[in-house]
N, C-alpha and C. Protein backbone atom coordinates (compact mmCIF):
# COMPACT_ATOMS: atom_id res chain seq x y z
N MET A 1 42.38 17.53 -11.32
CA MET A 1 43.30 16.78 -12.17
C MET A 1 44.32 17.71 -12.80
N GLU A 2 43.92 18.93 -13.14
CA GLU A 2 44.85 19.87 -13.77
C GLU A 2 46.08 20.08 -12.90
N GLU A 3 45.87 20.24 -11.57
CA GLU A 3 47.01 20.44 -10.68
C GLU A 3 47.92 19.23 -10.70
N LEU A 4 47.32 18.04 -10.69
CA LEU A 4 48.07 16.80 -10.72
C LEU A 4 48.92 16.71 -11.97
N VAL A 5 48.35 17.06 -13.12
CA VAL A 5 49.08 16.98 -14.38
C VAL A 5 50.18 18.03 -14.44
N GLU A 6 49.86 19.26 -14.02
CA GLU A 6 50.86 20.32 -14.10
C GLU A 6 52.09 20.02 -13.28
N GLU A 7 51.90 19.37 -12.11
CA GLU A 7 53.02 19.02 -11.26
C GLU A 7 53.90 17.94 -11.89
N LYS A 8 53.34 17.14 -12.78
CA LYS A 8 54.05 15.98 -13.28
C LYS A 8 54.40 16.07 -14.76
N GLU A 9 54.52 17.28 -15.28
CA GLU A 9 54.91 17.39 -16.68
C GLU A 9 55.74 18.65 -16.90
N THR A 10 56.47 18.63 -17.98
CA THR A 10 57.25 19.80 -18.37
C THR A 10 56.74 20.26 -19.73
N PHE A 11 57.22 21.40 -20.16
CA PHE A 11 56.81 21.91 -21.47
C PHE A 11 57.19 20.93 -22.57
N GLU A 12 58.40 20.39 -22.48
CA GLU A 12 58.89 19.45 -23.50
C GLU A 12 58.05 18.18 -23.54
N SER A 13 57.75 17.62 -22.36
CA SER A 13 56.95 16.39 -22.34
C SER A 13 55.54 16.65 -22.85
N ARG A 14 55.00 17.83 -22.55
CA ARG A 14 53.65 18.17 -23.02
C ARG A 14 53.63 18.29 -24.54
N GLU A 15 54.63 18.91 -25.12
CA GLU A 15 54.71 19.05 -26.58
C GLU A 15 54.79 17.68 -27.26
N LEU A 16 55.62 16.81 -26.71
CA LEU A 16 55.73 15.45 -27.25
C LEU A 16 54.38 14.72 -27.16
N PHE A 17 53.71 14.91 -26.03
CA PHE A 17 52.42 14.24 -25.82
C PHE A 17 51.35 14.75 -26.78
N ILE A 18 51.34 16.02 -27.05
CA ILE A 18 50.37 16.59 -28.00
C ILE A 18 50.58 15.99 -29.39
N LYS A 19 51.84 15.85 -29.79
CA LYS A 19 52.13 15.21 -31.09
C LYS A 19 51.67 13.75 -31.08
N ALA A 20 51.90 13.08 -29.96
CA ALA A 20 51.47 11.67 -29.84
C ALA A 20 49.95 11.56 -29.92
N GLU A 21 49.24 12.48 -29.27
CA GLU A 21 47.77 12.47 -29.33
C GLU A 21 47.26 12.59 -30.76
N ASN A 22 47.92 13.42 -31.54
CA ASN A 22 47.53 13.57 -32.95
C ASN A 22 47.74 12.27 -33.72
N LEU A 23 48.83 11.59 -33.44
CA LEU A 23 49.09 10.30 -34.10
C LEU A 23 48.08 9.24 -33.64
N ILE A 24 47.72 9.29 -32.37
CA ILE A 24 46.72 8.34 -31.84
C ILE A 24 45.39 8.56 -32.56
N ARG A 25 44.99 9.81 -32.74
CA ARG A 25 43.74 10.11 -33.45
C ARG A 25 43.76 9.56 -34.88
N LYS A 26 44.94 9.55 -35.48
CA LYS A 26 45.09 9.04 -36.85
C LYS A 26 45.23 7.52 -36.89
N GLY A 27 45.37 6.90 -35.71
CA GLY A 27 45.51 5.44 -35.65
C GLY A 27 46.93 4.94 -35.80
N ASP A 28 47.91 5.84 -35.75
CA ASP A 28 49.31 5.44 -35.87
C ASP A 28 49.89 5.21 -34.47
N TYR A 29 49.56 4.07 -33.90
CA TYR A 29 49.92 3.78 -32.51
C TYR A 29 51.41 3.49 -32.34
N THR A 30 52.06 2.99 -33.36
CA THR A 30 53.48 2.67 -33.26
C THR A 30 54.30 3.95 -33.09
N ARG A 31 54.08 4.92 -33.97
CA ARG A 31 54.82 6.19 -33.87
C ARG A 31 54.41 6.97 -32.62
N ALA A 32 53.12 6.88 -32.25
CA ALA A 32 52.64 7.57 -31.05
C ALA A 32 53.32 7.00 -29.81
N ALA A 33 53.52 5.69 -29.78
CA ALA A 33 54.15 5.04 -28.62
C ALA A 33 55.57 5.56 -28.40
N VAL A 34 56.27 5.82 -29.48
CA VAL A 34 57.63 6.35 -29.36
C VAL A 34 57.60 7.72 -28.68
N LEU A 35 56.68 8.58 -29.11
CA LEU A 35 56.59 9.92 -28.53
C LEU A 35 56.10 9.87 -27.08
N VAL A 36 55.14 9.01 -26.80
CA VAL A 36 54.64 8.88 -25.42
C VAL A 36 55.75 8.34 -24.53
N ASN A 37 56.54 7.43 -25.05
CA ASN A 37 57.66 6.88 -24.29
C ASN A 37 58.65 7.98 -23.92
N GLU A 38 58.91 8.88 -24.85
CA GLU A 38 59.78 10.03 -24.57
C GLU A 38 59.16 10.93 -23.51
N SER A 39 57.85 11.15 -23.60
CA SER A 39 57.15 11.96 -22.60
C SER A 39 57.27 11.31 -21.22
N LEU A 40 57.14 9.99 -21.18
CA LEU A 40 57.25 9.27 -19.92
C LEU A 40 58.67 9.29 -19.37
N ARG A 41 59.65 9.33 -20.25
CA ARG A 41 61.04 9.41 -19.79
C ARG A 41 61.26 10.73 -19.04
N ILE A 42 60.62 11.79 -19.53
CA ILE A 42 60.76 13.11 -18.91
C ILE A 42 59.87 13.23 -17.68
N SER A 43 58.64 12.76 -17.79
CA SER A 43 57.65 12.87 -16.70
C SER A 43 57.04 11.50 -16.43
N PRO A 44 57.76 10.65 -15.69
CA PRO A 44 57.34 9.25 -15.54
C PRO A 44 56.08 9.03 -14.70
N ASP A 45 55.66 10.01 -13.92
CA ASP A 45 54.51 9.81 -13.03
C ASP A 45 53.25 10.49 -13.52
N ASN A 46 53.19 10.85 -14.79
CA ASN A 46 52.02 11.53 -15.33
C ASN A 46 50.98 10.49 -15.75
N PRO A 47 49.80 10.47 -15.12
CA PRO A 47 48.79 9.45 -15.45
C PRO A 47 48.29 9.53 -16.90
N LEU A 48 48.24 10.73 -17.47
CA LEU A 48 47.81 10.85 -18.88
C LEU A 48 48.77 10.14 -19.82
N TYR A 49 50.05 10.28 -19.54
CA TYR A 49 51.06 9.65 -20.40
C TYR A 49 51.04 8.13 -20.23
N ILE A 50 50.88 7.67 -19.00
CA ILE A 50 50.83 6.23 -18.74
C ILE A 50 49.61 5.62 -19.43
N SER A 51 48.48 6.32 -19.33
CA SER A 51 47.26 5.85 -19.97
C SER A 51 47.41 5.80 -21.49
N ALA A 52 48.02 6.84 -22.06
CA ALA A 52 48.23 6.87 -23.51
C ALA A 52 49.15 5.73 -23.95
N MET A 53 50.15 5.44 -23.14
CA MET A 53 51.05 4.33 -23.47
C MET A 53 50.29 3.01 -23.39
N GLY A 54 49.41 2.90 -22.40
CA GLY A 54 48.57 1.70 -22.30
C GLY A 54 47.68 1.54 -23.51
N LEU A 55 47.11 2.64 -23.98
CA LEU A 55 46.27 2.60 -25.18
C LEU A 55 47.10 2.16 -26.39
N CYS A 56 48.28 2.73 -26.54
CA CYS A 56 49.14 2.36 -27.67
C CYS A 56 49.50 0.87 -27.62
N CYS A 57 49.87 0.40 -26.42
CA CYS A 57 50.19 -1.03 -26.26
C CYS A 57 48.99 -1.90 -26.64
N GLY A 58 47.85 -1.53 -26.12
CA GLY A 58 46.64 -2.30 -26.39
C GLY A 58 46.28 -2.33 -27.86
N MET A 59 46.37 -1.20 -28.51
CA MET A 59 45.99 -1.12 -29.92
C MET A 59 47.02 -1.79 -30.83
N LYS A 60 48.22 -1.97 -30.32
CA LYS A 60 49.24 -2.70 -31.09
C LYS A 60 49.17 -4.20 -30.84
N GLY A 61 48.23 -4.63 -29.97
CA GLY A 61 48.03 -6.06 -29.77
C GLY A 61 48.35 -6.58 -28.39
N ASN A 62 49.05 -5.81 -27.58
CA ASN A 62 49.38 -6.26 -26.23
C ASN A 62 48.30 -5.76 -25.28
N LEU A 63 47.14 -6.42 -25.32
CA LEU A 63 45.97 -5.97 -24.57
C LEU A 63 46.14 -6.09 -23.06
N VAL A 64 46.82 -7.12 -22.60
CA VAL A 64 47.00 -7.32 -21.16
C VAL A 64 47.85 -6.20 -20.58
N GLU A 65 48.97 -5.91 -21.21
CA GLU A 65 49.85 -4.84 -20.74
C GLU A 65 49.16 -3.48 -20.87
N GLY A 66 48.44 -3.29 -21.96
CA GLY A 66 47.73 -2.03 -22.17
C GLY A 66 46.69 -1.79 -21.09
N GLU A 67 45.93 -2.83 -20.76
CA GLU A 67 44.91 -2.69 -19.72
C GLU A 67 45.57 -2.40 -18.37
N LYS A 68 46.67 -3.10 -18.09
CA LYS A 68 47.38 -2.90 -16.83
C LYS A 68 47.84 -1.45 -16.69
N MET A 69 48.39 -0.89 -17.76
CA MET A 69 48.87 0.49 -17.71
C MET A 69 47.72 1.48 -17.55
N CYS A 70 46.63 1.24 -18.26
CA CYS A 70 45.47 2.14 -18.16
C CYS A 70 44.88 2.11 -16.76
N ARG A 71 44.80 0.94 -16.18
CA ARG A 71 44.27 0.83 -14.81
C ARG A 71 45.21 1.49 -13.79
N LYS A 72 46.52 1.35 -14.02
CA LYS A 72 47.50 2.01 -13.14
C LYS A 72 47.32 3.52 -13.21
N ALA A 73 47.17 4.05 -14.42
CA ALA A 73 46.99 5.49 -14.59
C ALA A 73 45.72 5.97 -13.89
N LEU A 74 44.66 5.19 -14.01
CA LEU A 74 43.39 5.55 -13.38
C LEU A 74 43.52 5.54 -11.86
N SER A 75 44.27 4.58 -11.32
CA SER A 75 44.45 4.51 -9.87
C SER A 75 45.33 5.65 -9.36
N MET A 76 46.20 6.19 -10.21
CA MET A 76 47.07 7.30 -9.81
C MET A 76 46.32 8.62 -9.78
N SER A 77 45.21 8.70 -10.48
CA SER A 77 44.46 9.96 -10.55
C SER A 77 43.31 9.93 -9.56
N ASP A 78 42.56 11.00 -9.55
CA ASP A 78 41.40 11.07 -8.66
C ASP A 78 40.16 10.44 -9.29
N GLY A 79 40.32 9.87 -10.49
CA GLY A 79 39.20 9.22 -11.17
C GLY A 79 38.27 10.18 -11.87
N LYS A 80 38.68 11.44 -11.99
CA LYS A 80 37.82 12.46 -12.58
C LYS A 80 38.32 12.93 -13.95
N GLU A 81 39.26 12.19 -14.52
CA GLU A 81 39.79 12.56 -15.83
C GLU A 81 39.16 11.64 -16.88
N PRO A 82 38.25 12.19 -17.72
CA PRO A 82 37.53 11.36 -18.69
C PRO A 82 38.44 10.61 -19.67
N LEU A 83 39.55 11.23 -20.08
CA LEU A 83 40.41 10.59 -21.06
C LEU A 83 41.00 9.28 -20.54
N LEU A 84 41.29 9.20 -19.26
CA LEU A 84 41.82 7.96 -18.68
C LEU A 84 40.78 6.85 -18.79
N LEU A 85 39.53 7.19 -18.53
CA LEU A 85 38.45 6.21 -18.65
C LEU A 85 38.22 5.80 -20.10
N VAL A 86 38.30 6.75 -21.01
CA VAL A 86 38.10 6.46 -22.43
C VAL A 86 39.21 5.53 -22.94
N ASN A 87 40.46 5.81 -22.56
CA ASN A 87 41.57 4.96 -22.99
C ASN A 87 41.41 3.53 -22.46
N LEU A 88 41.03 3.41 -21.19
CA LEU A 88 40.80 2.08 -20.62
C LEU A 88 39.65 1.39 -21.36
N GLY A 89 38.60 2.13 -21.64
CA GLY A 89 37.46 1.57 -22.36
C GLY A 89 37.85 1.05 -23.73
N ARG A 90 38.69 1.79 -24.43
CA ARG A 90 39.12 1.37 -25.78
C ARG A 90 39.92 0.08 -25.72
N VAL A 91 40.78 -0.04 -24.71
CA VAL A 91 41.56 -1.28 -24.56
C VAL A 91 40.63 -2.44 -24.20
N LEU A 92 39.69 -2.18 -23.30
CA LEU A 92 38.74 -3.23 -22.92
C LEU A 92 37.90 -3.67 -24.11
N LEU A 93 37.53 -2.73 -24.94
CA LEU A 93 36.76 -3.05 -26.14
C LEU A 93 37.58 -3.96 -27.06
N GLY A 94 38.86 -3.67 -27.19
CA GLY A 94 39.75 -4.52 -27.99
C GLY A 94 39.86 -5.93 -27.43
N ARG A 95 39.73 -6.05 -26.12
CA ARG A 95 39.80 -7.34 -25.44
C ARG A 95 38.47 -8.09 -25.52
N GLY A 96 37.43 -7.38 -25.92
CA GLY A 96 36.11 -8.01 -26.03
C GLY A 96 35.23 -7.82 -24.81
N ALA A 97 35.67 -7.02 -23.86
CA ALA A 97 34.89 -6.76 -22.64
C ALA A 97 33.98 -5.56 -22.89
N ARG A 98 32.96 -5.76 -23.72
CA ARG A 98 32.08 -4.67 -24.15
C ARG A 98 31.32 -4.02 -22.99
N LYS A 99 30.84 -4.82 -22.07
CA LYS A 99 30.05 -4.28 -20.97
C LYS A 99 30.90 -3.35 -20.09
N GLU A 100 32.10 -3.79 -19.77
CA GLU A 100 33.00 -2.99 -18.94
C GLU A 100 33.47 -1.74 -19.70
N ALA A 101 33.69 -1.89 -21.01
CA ALA A 101 34.09 -0.75 -21.84
C ALA A 101 32.98 0.29 -21.86
N ARG A 102 31.75 -0.16 -22.05
CA ARG A 102 30.60 0.76 -22.07
C ARG A 102 30.51 1.50 -20.74
N SER A 103 30.77 0.79 -19.65
CA SER A 103 30.74 1.41 -18.33
C SER A 103 31.79 2.53 -18.23
N CYS A 104 32.98 2.27 -18.74
CA CYS A 104 34.04 3.30 -18.73
C CYS A 104 33.64 4.51 -19.57
N PHE A 105 33.11 4.26 -20.76
CA PHE A 105 32.70 5.37 -21.62
C PHE A 105 31.57 6.16 -20.98
N SER A 106 30.64 5.46 -20.34
CA SER A 106 29.51 6.14 -19.69
C SER A 106 29.99 6.99 -18.52
N LYS A 107 30.93 6.47 -17.73
CA LYS A 107 31.48 7.25 -16.61
C LYS A 107 32.21 8.50 -17.14
N ALA A 108 32.97 8.32 -18.22
CA ALA A 108 33.69 9.46 -18.79
C ALA A 108 32.70 10.51 -19.30
N TYR A 109 31.64 10.05 -19.93
CA TYR A 109 30.63 10.97 -20.44
C TYR A 109 29.89 11.66 -19.30
N ALA A 110 29.64 10.94 -18.21
CA ALA A 110 28.98 11.53 -17.05
C ALA A 110 29.85 12.61 -16.40
N LEU A 111 31.16 12.39 -16.40
CA LEU A 111 32.08 13.39 -15.83
C LEU A 111 32.11 14.65 -16.66
N ASP A 112 32.02 14.48 -17.98
CA ASP A 112 32.08 15.63 -18.88
C ASP A 112 31.26 15.31 -20.12
N ASN A 113 30.01 15.79 -20.15
CA ASN A 113 29.14 15.44 -21.27
C ASN A 113 29.48 16.21 -22.55
N THR A 114 30.51 17.03 -22.49
CA THR A 114 31.02 17.65 -23.72
C THR A 114 32.23 16.88 -24.24
N ASN A 115 32.54 15.78 -23.57
CA ASN A 115 33.71 14.98 -23.91
C ASN A 115 33.44 14.20 -25.19
N SER A 116 34.01 14.67 -26.28
CA SER A 116 33.72 14.04 -27.57
C SER A 116 34.27 12.62 -27.70
N PRO A 117 35.45 12.28 -27.16
CA PRO A 117 35.90 10.88 -27.29
C PRO A 117 34.93 9.89 -26.64
N ALA A 118 34.42 10.24 -25.45
CA ALA A 118 33.49 9.33 -24.77
C ALA A 118 32.19 9.22 -25.56
N ALA A 119 31.68 10.35 -26.03
CA ALA A 119 30.44 10.34 -26.82
C ALA A 119 30.64 9.56 -28.11
N LEU A 120 31.78 9.74 -28.75
CA LEU A 120 32.07 9.03 -30.00
C LEU A 120 32.10 7.53 -29.78
N GLU A 121 32.78 7.09 -28.73
CA GLU A 121 32.87 5.66 -28.47
C GLU A 121 31.51 5.07 -28.12
N LEU A 122 30.71 5.81 -27.35
CA LEU A 122 29.37 5.32 -27.03
C LEU A 122 28.52 5.20 -28.28
N SER A 123 28.63 6.17 -29.18
CA SER A 123 27.83 6.10 -30.41
C SER A 123 28.32 4.97 -31.32
N ARG A 124 29.62 4.72 -31.33
CA ARG A 124 30.15 3.60 -32.13
C ARG A 124 29.62 2.26 -31.63
N MET A 125 29.49 2.17 -30.31
CA MET A 125 29.01 0.91 -29.73
C MET A 125 27.54 0.70 -30.02
N GLY A 126 26.80 1.77 -30.21
CA GLY A 126 25.38 1.65 -30.49
C GLY A 126 24.56 1.41 -29.25
N VAL A 127 23.28 1.35 -29.44
CA VAL A 127 22.35 1.14 -28.33
C VAL A 127 21.81 -0.28 -28.42
N ARG A 128 21.89 -0.97 -27.33
CA ARG A 128 21.36 -2.34 -27.30
C ARG A 128 19.87 -2.29 -27.03
N LYS A 129 19.16 -3.08 -27.77
CA LYS A 129 17.73 -3.20 -27.54
C LYS A 129 17.51 -4.10 -26.33
N LYS A 130 16.34 -3.94 -25.73
CA LYS A 130 15.99 -4.80 -24.60
C LYS A 130 15.81 -6.23 -25.12
N PRO A 131 16.04 -7.22 -24.27
CA PRO A 131 15.82 -8.60 -24.69
C PRO A 131 14.36 -8.79 -25.11
N VAL A 132 14.13 -9.65 -26.09
CA VAL A 132 12.78 -9.90 -26.57
C VAL A 132 11.91 -10.42 -25.43
N LEU A 133 12.46 -11.33 -24.66
CA LEU A 133 11.76 -11.87 -23.50
C LEU A 133 12.47 -11.35 -22.25
N PRO A 134 12.01 -10.24 -21.68
CA PRO A 134 12.74 -9.60 -20.59
C PRO A 134 12.86 -10.43 -19.32
N PHE A 135 12.01 -11.42 -19.14
CA PHE A 135 12.09 -12.25 -17.94
C PHE A 135 13.19 -13.30 -18.04
N LEU A 136 13.78 -13.44 -19.25
CA LEU A 136 14.92 -14.35 -19.43
C LEU A 136 16.19 -13.53 -19.56
N ASP A 137 17.33 -14.15 -19.26
CA ASP A 137 18.62 -13.49 -19.39
C ASP A 137 18.88 -13.15 -20.85
N ARG A 138 19.60 -12.06 -21.08
CA ARG A 138 19.92 -11.62 -22.44
C ARG A 138 20.64 -12.70 -23.24
N ASN A 139 21.47 -13.50 -22.57
CA ASN A 139 22.26 -14.53 -23.25
C ASN A 139 21.52 -15.86 -23.39
N ASN A 140 20.31 -15.93 -22.93
CA ASN A 140 19.52 -17.14 -23.08
C ASN A 140 19.34 -17.43 -24.57
N ALA A 141 19.46 -18.70 -24.96
CA ALA A 141 19.41 -19.09 -26.37
C ALA A 141 18.12 -18.61 -27.05
N LEU A 142 17.03 -18.65 -26.35
CA LEU A 142 15.76 -18.20 -26.91
C LEU A 142 15.79 -16.70 -27.20
N ASN A 143 16.32 -15.91 -26.27
CA ASN A 143 16.43 -14.47 -26.50
C ASN A 143 17.39 -14.16 -27.64
N VAL A 144 18.47 -14.88 -27.73
CA VAL A 144 19.44 -14.67 -28.80
C VAL A 144 18.80 -14.91 -30.17
N GLN A 145 18.12 -16.05 -30.31
CA GLN A 145 17.49 -16.39 -31.60
C GLN A 145 16.36 -15.41 -31.94
N LEU A 146 15.53 -15.08 -30.96
CA LEU A 146 14.44 -14.13 -31.22
C LEU A 146 15.00 -12.74 -31.55
N GLY A 147 16.12 -12.39 -30.93
CA GLY A 147 16.76 -11.11 -31.23
C GLY A 147 17.26 -11.07 -32.67
N LYS A 148 17.80 -12.17 -33.15
CA LYS A 148 18.27 -12.24 -34.54
C LYS A 148 17.10 -12.13 -35.51
N ILE A 149 15.99 -12.77 -35.17
CA ILE A 149 14.80 -12.69 -36.02
C ILE A 149 14.27 -11.25 -36.04
N ARG A 150 14.22 -10.62 -34.87
CA ARG A 150 13.76 -9.23 -34.78
C ARG A 150 14.65 -8.32 -35.65
N TYR A 151 15.95 -8.56 -35.61
CA TYR A 151 16.88 -7.76 -36.40
C TYR A 151 16.63 -7.94 -37.90
N ARG A 152 16.42 -9.17 -38.34
CA ARG A 152 16.14 -9.43 -39.77
C ARG A 152 14.85 -8.76 -40.21
N ILE A 153 13.83 -8.80 -39.37
CA ILE A 153 12.56 -8.15 -39.69
C ILE A 153 12.78 -6.64 -39.82
N MET A 154 13.55 -6.07 -38.89
CA MET A 154 13.83 -4.64 -38.94
C MET A 154 14.56 -4.27 -40.24
N LEU A 155 15.54 -5.08 -40.65
CA LEU A 155 16.26 -4.82 -41.89
C LEU A 155 15.34 -4.88 -43.10
N SER A 156 14.48 -5.88 -43.14
CA SER A 156 13.57 -6.02 -44.29
C SER A 156 12.60 -4.84 -44.35
N ARG A 157 12.14 -4.35 -43.22
CA ARG A 157 11.26 -3.18 -43.20
C ARG A 157 11.98 -1.93 -43.72
N LYS A 158 13.24 -1.79 -43.34
CA LYS A 158 14.01 -0.64 -43.82
C LYS A 158 14.18 -0.69 -45.33
N LYS A 159 14.42 -1.89 -45.87
CA LYS A 159 14.56 -2.05 -47.31
C LYS A 159 13.27 -1.69 -48.02
N GLU A 160 12.15 -2.12 -47.44
CA GLU A 160 10.84 -1.81 -48.04
C GLU A 160 10.57 -0.32 -48.04
N LEU A 161 10.95 0.36 -46.97
CA LEU A 161 10.74 1.80 -46.88
C LEU A 161 11.61 2.55 -47.90
N LYS A 162 12.81 2.06 -48.15
CA LYS A 162 13.68 2.70 -49.12
C LYS A 162 13.11 2.61 -50.53
N LYS A 163 12.41 1.52 -50.81
CA LYS A 163 11.81 1.34 -52.14
C LYS A 163 10.71 2.34 -52.40
N LEU A 164 10.04 2.78 -51.33
CA LEU A 164 8.92 3.72 -51.48
C LEU A 164 9.45 5.05 -51.75
């Protein structure tokens, strides 16, 4: 991926992108989009820039366009760049596609287990417990209700332990 990126960027576009990444980390997607747009004007075929623009679009509310851009960036690369998967996962999470988002974060983490964005997103999502009745589908009404009861029991136990 490094060779792919180096061929499709300049020093100026890279500097703009680094500033945009800092704004993205702070959650300022509007200002980041302006900088990423400038980076794309200079280096229009860079998958990292396209993915970042997709993330900015998605986080500003245009989830369909954001997902489209992130998927385009992923198809342009060899699929071995964790950040592209993380950006797509974040947009999918915003759209409510939790299962697909988790898959993206897991793939990114598998590619690079030192990748802090993927690990952070996986930890934010939490770990799902197994269905109470494993022979039924997770979305079965009985499993859903029993899962809620199990959760309430767990909370009450935690409260009791804190009192001790």
